[in-house]
């Protein structure tokens, strides 16, 4: 299992970069187009949530890999616990 990792800062630019990376990752897998759109939208909403809740300019880590059941995508942002 090869993990693809991207480090970004929580800012407006990161929303587009993360969404583009997720789309590129999903295009390498047999993923339904609707599922790929849901993954992208979820990532965009998480980053936007963190921006609104005081995490602006903190490090954001996007990790993606393929597991047996399908794609695995995670977003991590340092700071106080918050569940977007």
PDB file of N, CA and C in Angstrom:
ATOM      1  N   UNK A   1       0.846  -1.171   0.000  1.00  0.00           N
ATOM      2  CA  UNK A   1       0.000   0.000   0.000  1.00  0.00           C
ATOM      3  C   UNK A   1       0.892   1.236   0.000  1.00  0.00           C
ATOM      4  N   UNK A   2       0.825   1.996  -1.054  1.00  0.00           N
ATOM      5  CA  UNK A   2       1.610   3.220  -1.182  1.00  0.00           C
ATOM      6  C   UNK A   2       0.748   4.403  -0.773  1.00  0.00           C
ATOM      7  N   UNK A   3       1.245   5.173   0.192  1.00  0.00           N
ATOM      8  CA  UNK A   3       0.514   6.332   0.689  1.00  0.00           C
ATOM      9  C   UNK A   3       1.015   7.576  -0.023  1.00  0.00           C
ATOM     10  N   UNK A   4       0.097   8.335  -0.556  1.00  0.00           N
ATOM     11  CA  UNK A   4       0.403   9.608  -1.194  1.00  0.00           C
ATOM     12  C   UNK A   4       0.092  10.697  -0.176  1.00  0.00           C
ATOM     13  N   UNK A   5       1.074  11.547   0.108  1.00  0.00           N
ATOM     14  CA  UNK A   5       0.911  12.555   1.139  1.00  0.00           C
ATOM     15  C   UNK A   5       1.236  13.939   0.587  1.00  0.00           C
ATOM     16  N   UNK A   6       0.440  14.904   0.966  1.00  0.00           N
ATOM     17  CA  UNK A   6       0.619  16.281   0.527  1.00  0.00           C
ATOM     18  C   UNK A   6       0.458  17.186   1.737  1.00  0.00           C
ATOM     19  N   UNK A   7       1.424  18.091   1.939  1.00  0.00           N
ATOM     20  CA  UNK A   7       1.353  19.041   3.044  1.00  0.00           C
ATOM     21  C   UNK A   7       0.989  20.416   2.492  1.00  0.00           C
ATOM     22  N   UNK A   8      -0.032  21.002   3.083  1.00  0.00           N
ATOM     23  CA  UNK A   8      -0.532  22.308   2.673  1.00  0.00           C
ATOM     24  C   UNK A   8      -0.726  23.179   3.908  1.00  0.00           C
ATOM     25  N   UNK A   9      -1.078  24.414   3.703  1.00  0.00           N
ATOM     26  CA  UNK A   9      -1.483  25.311   4.784  1.00  0.00           C
ATOM     27  C   UNK A   9      -2.988  25.511   4.667  1.00  0.00           C
ATOM     28  N   UNK A  10      -3.651  25.643   5.798  1.00  0.00           N
ATOM     29  CA  UNK A  10      -5.091  25.873   5.799  1.00  0.00           C
ATOM     30  C   UNK A  10      -5.342  27.302   5.319  1.00  0.00           C
ATOM     31  N   UNK A  11      -5.709  27.414   4.040  1.00  0.00           N
ATOM     32  CA  UNK A  11      -5.996  28.702   3.418  1.00  0.00           C
ATOM     33  C   UNK A  11      -6.839  28.437   2.176  1.00  0.00           C
ATOM     34  N   UNK A  12      -7.329  29.496   1.553  1.00  0.00           N
ATOM     35  CA  UNK A  12      -8.202  29.367   0.379  1.00  0.00           C
ATOM     36  C   UNK A  12      -7.567  28.517  -0.722  1.00  0.00           C
ATOM     37  N   UNK A  13      -6.297  28.737  -0.979  1.00  0.00           N
ATOM     38  CA  UNK A  13      -5.591  28.033  -2.048  1.00  0.00           C
ATOM     39  C   UNK A  13      -5.574  26.520  -1.808  1.00  0.00           C
ATOM     40  N   UNK A  14      -5.528  26.114  -0.547  1.00  0.00           N
ATOM     41  CA  UNK A  14      -5.462  24.695  -0.207  1.00  0.00           C
ATOM     42  C   UNK A  14      -6.741  23.960  -0.586  1.00  0.00           C
ATOM     43  N   UNK A  15      -7.863  24.667  -0.595  1.00  0.00           N
ATOM     44  CA  UNK A  15      -9.129  24.030  -0.949  1.00  0.00           C
ATOM     45  C   UNK A  15      -9.056  23.481  -2.375  1.00  0.00           C
ATOM     46  N   UNK A  16      -8.610  24.304  -3.303  1.00  0.00           N
ATOM     47  CA  UNK A  16      -8.499  23.868  -4.698  1.00  0.00           C
ATOM     48  C   UNK A  16      -7.408  22.820  -4.885  1.00  0.00           C
ATOM     49  N   UNK A  17      -6.274  23.002  -4.210  1.00  0.00           N
ATOM     50  CA  UNK A  17      -5.173  22.045  -4.356  1.00  0.00           C
ATOM     51  C   UNK A  17      -5.581  20.663  -3.843  1.00  0.00           C
ATOM     52  N   UNK A  18      -6.220  20.615  -2.689  1.00  0.00           N
ATOM     53  CA  UNK A  18      -6.648  19.332  -2.130  1.00  0.00           C
ATOM     54  C   UNK A  18      -7.695  18.673  -3.030  1.00  0.00           C
ATOM     55  N   UNK A  19      -8.652  19.453  -3.505  1.00  0.00           N
ATOM     56  CA  UNK A  19      -9.693  18.908  -4.377  1.00  0.00           C
ATOM     57  C   UNK A  19      -9.096  18.362  -5.672  1.00  0.00           C
ATOM     58  N   UNK A  20      -8.143  19.059  -6.244  1.00  0.00           N
ATOM     59  CA  UNK A  20      -7.494  18.592  -7.474  1.00  0.00           C
ATOM     60  C   UNK A  20      -6.695  17.314  -7.229  1.00  0.00           C
ATOM     61  N   UNK A  21      -5.986  17.242  -6.111  1.00  0.00           N
ATOM     62  CA  UNK A  21      -5.216  16.039  -5.779  1.00  0.00           C
ATOM     63  C   UNK A  21      -6.134  14.843  -5.573  1.00  0.00           C
ATOM     64  N   UNK A  22      -7.250  15.060  -4.898  1.00  0.00           N
ATOM     65  CA  UNK A  22      -8.204  13.969  -4.671  1.00  0.00           C
ATOM     66  C   UNK A  22      -8.791  13.490  -5.991  1.00  0.00           C
ATOM     67  N   UNK A  23      -9.117  14.412  -6.881  1.00  0.00           N
ATOM     68  CA  UNK A  23      -9.647  14.033  -8.191  1.00  0.00           C
ATOM     69  C   UNK A  23      -8.618  13.226  -8.984  1.00  0.00           C
ATOM     70  N   UNK A  24      -7.371  13.672  -8.972  1.00  0.00           N
ATOM     71  CA  UNK A  24      -6.310  12.952  -9.689  1.00  0.00           C
ATOM     72  C   UNK A  24      -6.121  11.553  -9.096  1.00  0.00           C
ATOM     73  N   UNK A  25      -6.160  11.455  -7.780  1.00  0.00           N
ATOM     74  CA  UNK A  25      -6.022  10.161  -7.110  1.00  0.00           C
ATOM     75  C   UNK A  25      -7.180   9.239  -7.491  1.00  0.00           C
ATOM     76  N   UNK A  26      -8.400   9.740  -7.445  1.00  0.00           N
ATOM     77  CA  UNK A  26      -9.570   8.925  -7.769  1.00  0.00           C
ATOM     78  C   UNK A  26      -9.567   8.480  -9.227  1.00  0.00           C
ATOM     79  N   UNK A  27      -8.990   9.288 -10.105  1.00  0.00           N
ATOM     80  CA  UNK A  27      -8.912   8.909 -11.518  1.00  0.00           C
ATOM     81  C   UNK A  27      -7.975   7.739 -11.755  1.00  0.00           C
ATOM     82  N   UNK A  28      -7.093   7.438 -10.802  1.00  0.00           N
ATOM     83  CA  UNK A  28      -6.200   6.279 -10.934  1.00  0.00           C
ATOM     84  C   UNK A  28      -6.857   5.001 -10.430  1.00  0.00           C
ATOM     85  N   UNK A  29      -8.042   5.128  -9.842  1.00  0.00           N
ATOM     86  CA  UNK A  29      -8.762   3.987  -9.271  1.00  0.00           C
ATOM     87  C   UNK A  29     -10.088   3.793  -9.998  1.00  0.00           C
ATOM     88  N   UNK A  30     -10.669   2.623  -9.860  1.00  0.00           N
ATOM     89  CA  UNK A  30     -12.002   2.430 -10.448  1.00  0.00           C
ATOM     90  C   UNK A  30     -13.069   3.042  -9.528  1.00  0.00           C
ATOM     91  N   UNK A  31     -13.098   4.363  -9.474  1.00  0.00           N
ATOM     92  CA  UNK A  31     -14.017   5.083  -8.598  1.00  0.00           C
ATOM     93  C   UNK A  31     -15.140   5.692  -9.419  1.00  0.00           C
ATOM     94  N   UNK A  32     -16.350   5.581  -8.918  1.00  0.00           N
ATOM     95  CA  UNK A  32     -17.495   6.217  -9.567  1.00  0.00           C
ATOM     96  C   UNK A  32     -17.318   7.735  -9.543  1.00  0.00           C
ATOM     97  N   UNK A  33     -17.764   8.402 -10.581  1.00  0.00           N
ATOM     98  CA  UNK A  33     -17.624   9.858 -10.663  1.00  0.00           C
ATOM     99  C   UNK A  33     -18.357  10.548  -9.508  1.00  0.00           C
ATOM    100  N   UNK A  34     -19.531  10.062  -9.158  1.00  0.00           N
ATOM    101  CA  UNK A  34     -20.298  10.658  -8.056  1.00  0.00           C
ATOM    102  C   UNK A  34     -19.550  10.523  -6.732  1.00  0.00           C
ATOM    103  N   UNK A  35     -18.882   9.384  -6.512  1.00  0.00           N
ATOM    104  CA  UNK A  35     -18.102   9.198  -5.287  1.00  0.00           C
ATOM    105  C   UNK A  35     -16.930  10.162  -5.238  1.00  0.00           C
ATOM    106  N   UNK A  36     -16.253  10.327  -6.371  1.00  0.00           N
ATOM    107  CA  UNK A  36     -15.124  11.255  -6.431  1.00  0.00           C
ATOM    108  C   UNK A  36     -15.581  12.670  -6.093  1.00  0.00           C
ATOM    109  N   UNK A  37     -16.716  13.076  -6.604  1.00  0.00           N
ATOM    110  CA  UNK A  37     -17.243  14.402  -6.299  1.00  0.00           C
ATOM    111  C   UNK A  37     -17.564  14.544  -4.808  1.00  0.00           C
ATOM    112  N   UNK A  38     -18.094  13.486  -4.202  1.00  0.00           N
ATOM    113  CA  UNK A  38     -18.373  13.516  -2.761  1.00  0.00           C
ATOM    114  C   UNK A  38     -17.092  13.644  -1.945  1.00  0.00           C
ATOM    115  N   UNK A  39     -16.043  12.930  -2.339  1.00  0.00           N
ATOM    116  CA  UNK A  39     -14.765  13.025  -1.626  1.00  0.00           C
ATOM    117  C   UNK A  39     -14.213  14.445  -1.717  1.00  0.00           C
ATOM    118  N   UNK A  40     -14.258  15.009  -2.914  1.00  0.00           N
ATOM    119  CA  UNK A  40     -13.758  16.382  -3.112  1.00  0.00           C
ATOM    120  C   UNK A  40     -14.544  17.381  -2.278  1.00  0.00           C
ATOM    121  N   UNK A  41     -15.857  17.283  -2.315  1.00  0.00           N
ATOM    122  CA  UNK A  41     -16.697  18.211  -1.569  1.00  0.00           C
ATOM    123  C   UNK A  41     -16.470  18.078  -0.060  1.00  0.00           C
ATOM    124  N   UNK A  42     -16.314  16.862   0.412  1.00  0.00           N
ATOM    125  CA  UNK A  42     -16.048  16.653   1.840  1.00  0.00           C
ATOM    126  C   UNK A  42     -14.742  17.314   2.252  1.00  0.00           C
ATOM    127  N   UNK A  43     -13.703  17.167   1.437  1.00  0.00           N
ATOM    128  CA  UNK A  43     -12.413  17.790   1.744  1.00  0.00           C
ATOM    129  C   UNK A  43     -12.531  19.312   1.738  1.00  0.00           C
ATOM    130  N   UNK A  44     -13.238  19.845   0.744  1.00  0.00           N
ATOM    131  CA  UNK A  44     -13.423  21.292   0.671  1.00  0.00           C
ATOM    132  C   UNK A  44     -14.153  21.804   1.911  1.00  0.00           C
ATOM    133  N   UNK A  45     -15.192  21.101   2.354  1.00  0.00           N
ATOM    134  CA  UNK A  45     -15.942  21.512   3.532  1.00  0.00           C
ATOM    135  C   UNK A  45     -15.098  21.445   4.799  1.00  0.00           C
ATOM    136  N   UNK A  46     -14.273  20.408   4.926  1.00  0.00           N
ATOM    137  CA  UNK A  46     -13.399  20.291   6.105  1.00  0.00           C
ATOM    138  C   UNK A  46     -12.419  21.463   6.178  1.00  0.00           C
ATOM    139  N   UNK A  47     -11.774  21.763   5.078  1.00  0.00           N
ATOM    140  CA  UNK A  47     -10.798  22.850   5.069  1.00  0.00           C
ATOM    141  C   UNK A  47     -11.485  24.180   5.357  1.00  0.00           C
ATOM    142  N   UNK A  48     -12.646  24.375   4.756  1.00  0.00           N
ATOM    143  CA  UNK A  48     -13.397  25.605   5.006  1.00  0.00           C
ATOM    144  C   UNK A  48     -13.800  25.704   6.487  1.00  0.00           C
ATOM    145  N   UNK A  49     -14.223  24.605   7.082  1.00  0.00           N
ATOM    146  CA  UNK A  49     -14.571  24.568   8.499  1.00  0.00           C
ATOM    147  C   UNK A  49     -13.377  24.979   9.352  1.00  0.00           C
ATOM    148  N   UNK A  50     -12.207  24.416   9.046  1.00  0.00           N
ATOM    149  CA  UNK A  50     -11.011  24.745   9.830  1.00  0.00           C
ATOM    150  C   UNK A  50     -10.623  26.210   9.670  1.00  0.00           C
ATOM    151  N   UNK A  51     -10.819  26.744   8.487  1.00  0.00           N
ATOM    152  CA  UNK A  51     -10.512  28.165   8.277  1.00  0.00           C
ATOM    153  C   UNK A  51     -11.415  29.040   9.151  1.00  0.00           C
ATOM    154  N   UNK A  52     -12.664  28.681   9.256  1.00  0.00           N
ATOM    155  CA  UNK A  52     -13.618  29.468  10.040  1.00  0.00           C
ATOM    156  C   UNK A  52     -13.443  29.293  11.548  1.00  0.00           C
ATOM    157  N   UNK A  53     -12.771  28.236  11.967  1.00  0.00           N
ATOM    158  CA  UNK A  53     -12.638  27.942  13.390  1.00  0.00           C
ATOM    159  C   UNK A  53     -11.202  28.109  13.903  1.00  0.00           C
ATOM    160  N   UNK A  54     -10.510  29.086  13.366  1.00  0.00           N
ATOM    161  CA  UNK A  54      -9.223  29.492  13.911  1.00  0.00           C
ATOM    162  C   UNK A  54      -8.013  28.673  13.545  1.00  0.00           C
ATOM    163  N   UNK A  55      -8.090  27.886  12.509  1.00  0.00           N
ATOM    164  CA  UNK A  55      -6.941  27.062  12.121  1.00  0.00           C
ATOM    165  C   UNK A  55      -6.223  27.611  10.893  1.00  0.00           C
ATOM    166  N   UNK A  56      -6.540  28.825  10.496  1.00  0.00           N
ATOM    167  CA  UNK A  56      -5.937  29.410   9.294  1.00  0.00           C
ATOM    168  C   UNK A  56      -4.413  29.416   9.418  1.00  0.00           C
ATOM    169  N   UNK A  57      -3.740  29.058   8.333  1.00  0.00           N
ATOM    170  CA  UNK A  57      -2.283  29.006   8.197  1.00  0.00           C
ATOM    171  C   UNK A  57      -1.620  27.887   8.989  1.00  0.00           C
ATOM    172  N   UNK A  58      -2.385  26.994   9.568  1.00  0.00           N
ATOM    173  CA  UNK A  58      -1.791  25.809  10.202  1.00  0.00           C
ATOM    174  C   UNK A  58      -1.502  24.764   9.137  1.00  0.00           C
ATOM    175  N   UNK A  59      -0.648  23.820   9.486  1.00  0.00           N
ATOM    176  CA  UNK A  59      -0.307  22.774   8.529  1.00  0.00           C
ATOM    177  C   UNK A  59      -1.470  21.801   8.366  1.00  0.00           C
ATOM    178  N   UNK A  60      -1.711  21.430   7.126  1.00  0.00           N
ATOM    179  CA  UNK A  60      -2.749  20.489   6.758  1.00  0.00           C
ATOM    180  C   UNK A  60      -2.079  19.337   6.030  1.00  0.00           C
ATOM    181  N   UNK A  61      -2.401  18.122   6.413  1.00  0.00           N
ATOM    182  CA  UNK A  61      -1.821  16.947   5.765  1.00  0.00           C
ATOM    183  C   UNK A  61      -2.944  16.154   5.099  1.00  0.00           C
ATOM    184  N   UNK A  62      -2.804  15.959   3.804  1.00  0.00           N
ATOM    185  CA  UNK A  62      -3.737  15.154   3.019  1.00  0.00           C
ATOM    186  C   UNK A  62      -3.039  13.839   2.703  1.00  0.00           C
ATOM    187  N   UNK A  63      -3.652  12.731   3.126  1.00  0.00           N
ATOM    188  CA  UNK A  63      -3.094  11.403   2.854  1.00  0.00           C
ATOM    189  C   UNK A  63      -4.117  10.599   2.056  1.00  0.00           C
ATOM    190  N   UNK A  64      -3.611   9.904   1.038  1.00  0.00           N
ATOM    191  CA  UNK A  64      -4.471   9.092   0.188  1.00  0.00           C
ATOM    192  C   UNK A  64      -3.774   7.778  -0.125  1.00  0.00           C
ATOM    193  N   UNK A  65      -4.534   6.693  -0.087  1.00  0.00           N
ATOM    194  CA  UNK A  65      -4.005   5.399  -0.507  1.00  0.00           C
ATOM    195  C   UNK A  65      -5.179   4.508  -0.883  1.00  0.00           C
ATOM    196  N   UNK A  66      -4.859   3.412  -1.504  1.00  0.00           N
ATOM    197  CA  UNK A  66      -5.884   2.448  -1.892  1.00  0.00           C
ATOM    198  C   UNK A  66      -5.872   1.307  -0.894  1.00  0.00           C
ATOM    199  N   UNK A  67      -7.035   0.977  -0.365  1.00  0.00           N
ATOM    200  CA  UNK A  67      -7.183  -0.180   0.503  1.00  0.00           C
ATOM    201  C   UNK A  67      -8.045  -1.208  -0.207  1.00  0.00           C
ATOM    202  N   UNK A  68      -8.183  -2.347   0.394  1.00  0.00           N
ATOM    203  CA  UNK A  68      -8.956  -3.411  -0.252  1.00  0.00           C
ATOM    204  C   UNK A  68     -10.389  -2.989  -0.563  1.00  0.00           C
ATOM    205  N   UNK A  69     -10.985  -2.217   0.316  1.00  0.00           N
ATOM    206  CA  UNK A  69     -12.383  -1.838   0.111  1.00  0.00           C
ATOM    207  C   UNK A  69     -12.542  -0.587  -0.744  1.00  0.00           C
ATOM    208  N   UNK A  70     -11.456   0.054  -1.114  1.00  0.00           N
ATOM    209  CA  UNK A  70     -11.532   1.244  -1.951  1.00  0.00           C
ATOM    210  C   UNK A  70     -10.555   2.312  -1.507  1.00  0.00           C
ATOM    211  N   UNK A  71     -10.795   3.550  -1.912  1.00  0.00           N
ATOM    212  CA  UNK A  71      -9.863   4.625  -1.576  1.00  0.00           C
ATOM    213  C   UNK A  71      -9.939   5.002  -0.100  1.00  0.00           C
ATOM    214  N   UNK A  72      -8.796   5.400   0.445  1.00  0.00           N
ATOM    215  CA  UNK A  72      -8.709   5.915   1.810  1.00  0.00           C
ATOM    216  C   UNK A  72      -8.141   7.328   1.695  1.00  0.00           C
ATOM    217  N   UNK A  73      -8.884   8.304   2.187  1.00  0.00           N
ATOM    218  CA  UNK A  73      -8.470   9.698   2.121  1.00  0.00           C
ATOM    219  C   UNK A  73      -8.630  10.298   3.505  1.00  0.00           C
ATOM    220  N   UNK A  74      -7.559  10.923   4.019  1.00  0.00           N
ATOM    221  CA  UNK A  74      -7.670  11.565   5.325  1.00  0.00           C
ATOM    222  C   UNK A  74      -7.071  12.961   5.276  1.00  0.00           C
ATOM    223  N   UNK A  75      -7.648  13.834   6.072  1.00  0.00           N
ATOM    224  CA  UNK A  75      -7.173  15.198   6.246  1.00  0.00           C
ATOM    225  C   UNK A  75      -6.877  15.384   7.726  1.00  0.00           C
ATOM    226  N   UNK A  76      -5.719  15.952   8.021  1.00  0.00           N
ATOM    227  CA  UNK A  76      -5.344  16.207   9.408  1.00  0.00           C
ATOM    228  C   UNK A  76      -4.896  17.651   9.529  1.00  0.00           C
ATOM    229  N   UNK A  77      -5.319  18.278  10.612  1.00  0.00           N
ATOM    230  CA  UNK A  77      -4.931  19.658  10.888  1.00  0.00           C
ATOM    231  C   UNK A  77      -4.621  19.744  12.369  1.00  0.00           C
ATOM    232  N   UNK A  78      -3.443  20.283  12.711  1.00  0.00           N
ATOM    233  CA  UNK A  78      -3.060  20.427  14.108  1.00  0.00           C
ATOM    234  C   UNK A  78      -3.893  21.484  14.806  1.00  0.00           C
ATOM    235  N   UNK A  79      -4.030  21.348  16.103  1.00  0.00           N
ATOM    236  CA  UNK A  79      -4.776  22.332  16.875  1.00  0.00           C
ATOM    237  C   UNK A  79      -5.777  21.652  17.788  1.00  0.00           C
ATOM    238  N   UNK A  80      -6.658  22.423  18.389  1.00  0.00           N
ATOM    239  CA  UNK A  80      -7.646  21.837  19.279  1.00  0.00           C
ATOM    240  C   UNK A  80      -8.585  20.909  18.532  1.00  0.00           C
ATOM    241  N   UNK A  81      -9.090  19.920  19.233  1.00  0.00           N
ATOM    242  CA  UNK A  81      -9.963  18.927  18.610  1.00  0.00           C
ATOM    243  C   UNK A  81     -11.228  19.586  18.080  1.00  0.00           C
ATOM    244  N   UNK A  82     -11.577  19.252  16.851  1.00  0.00           N
ATOM    245  CA  UNK A  82     -12.795  19.746  16.217  1.00  0.00           C
ATOM    246  C   UNK A  82     -13.231  18.719  15.191  1.00  0.00           C
ATOM    247  N   UNK A  83     -14.492  18.446  15.124  1.00  0.00           N
ATOM    248  CA  UNK A  83     -15.002  17.451  14.181  1.00  0.00           C
ATOM    249  C   UNK A  83     -15.873  18.148  13.144  1.00  0.00           C
ATOM    250  N   UNK A  84     -15.308  18.387  11.970  1.00  0.00           N
ATOM    251  CA  UNK A  84     -16.094  19.078  10.936  1.00  0.00           C
ATOM    252  C   UNK A  84     -17.183  18.183  10.413  1.00  0.00           C
TER     253      UNK A  84
END
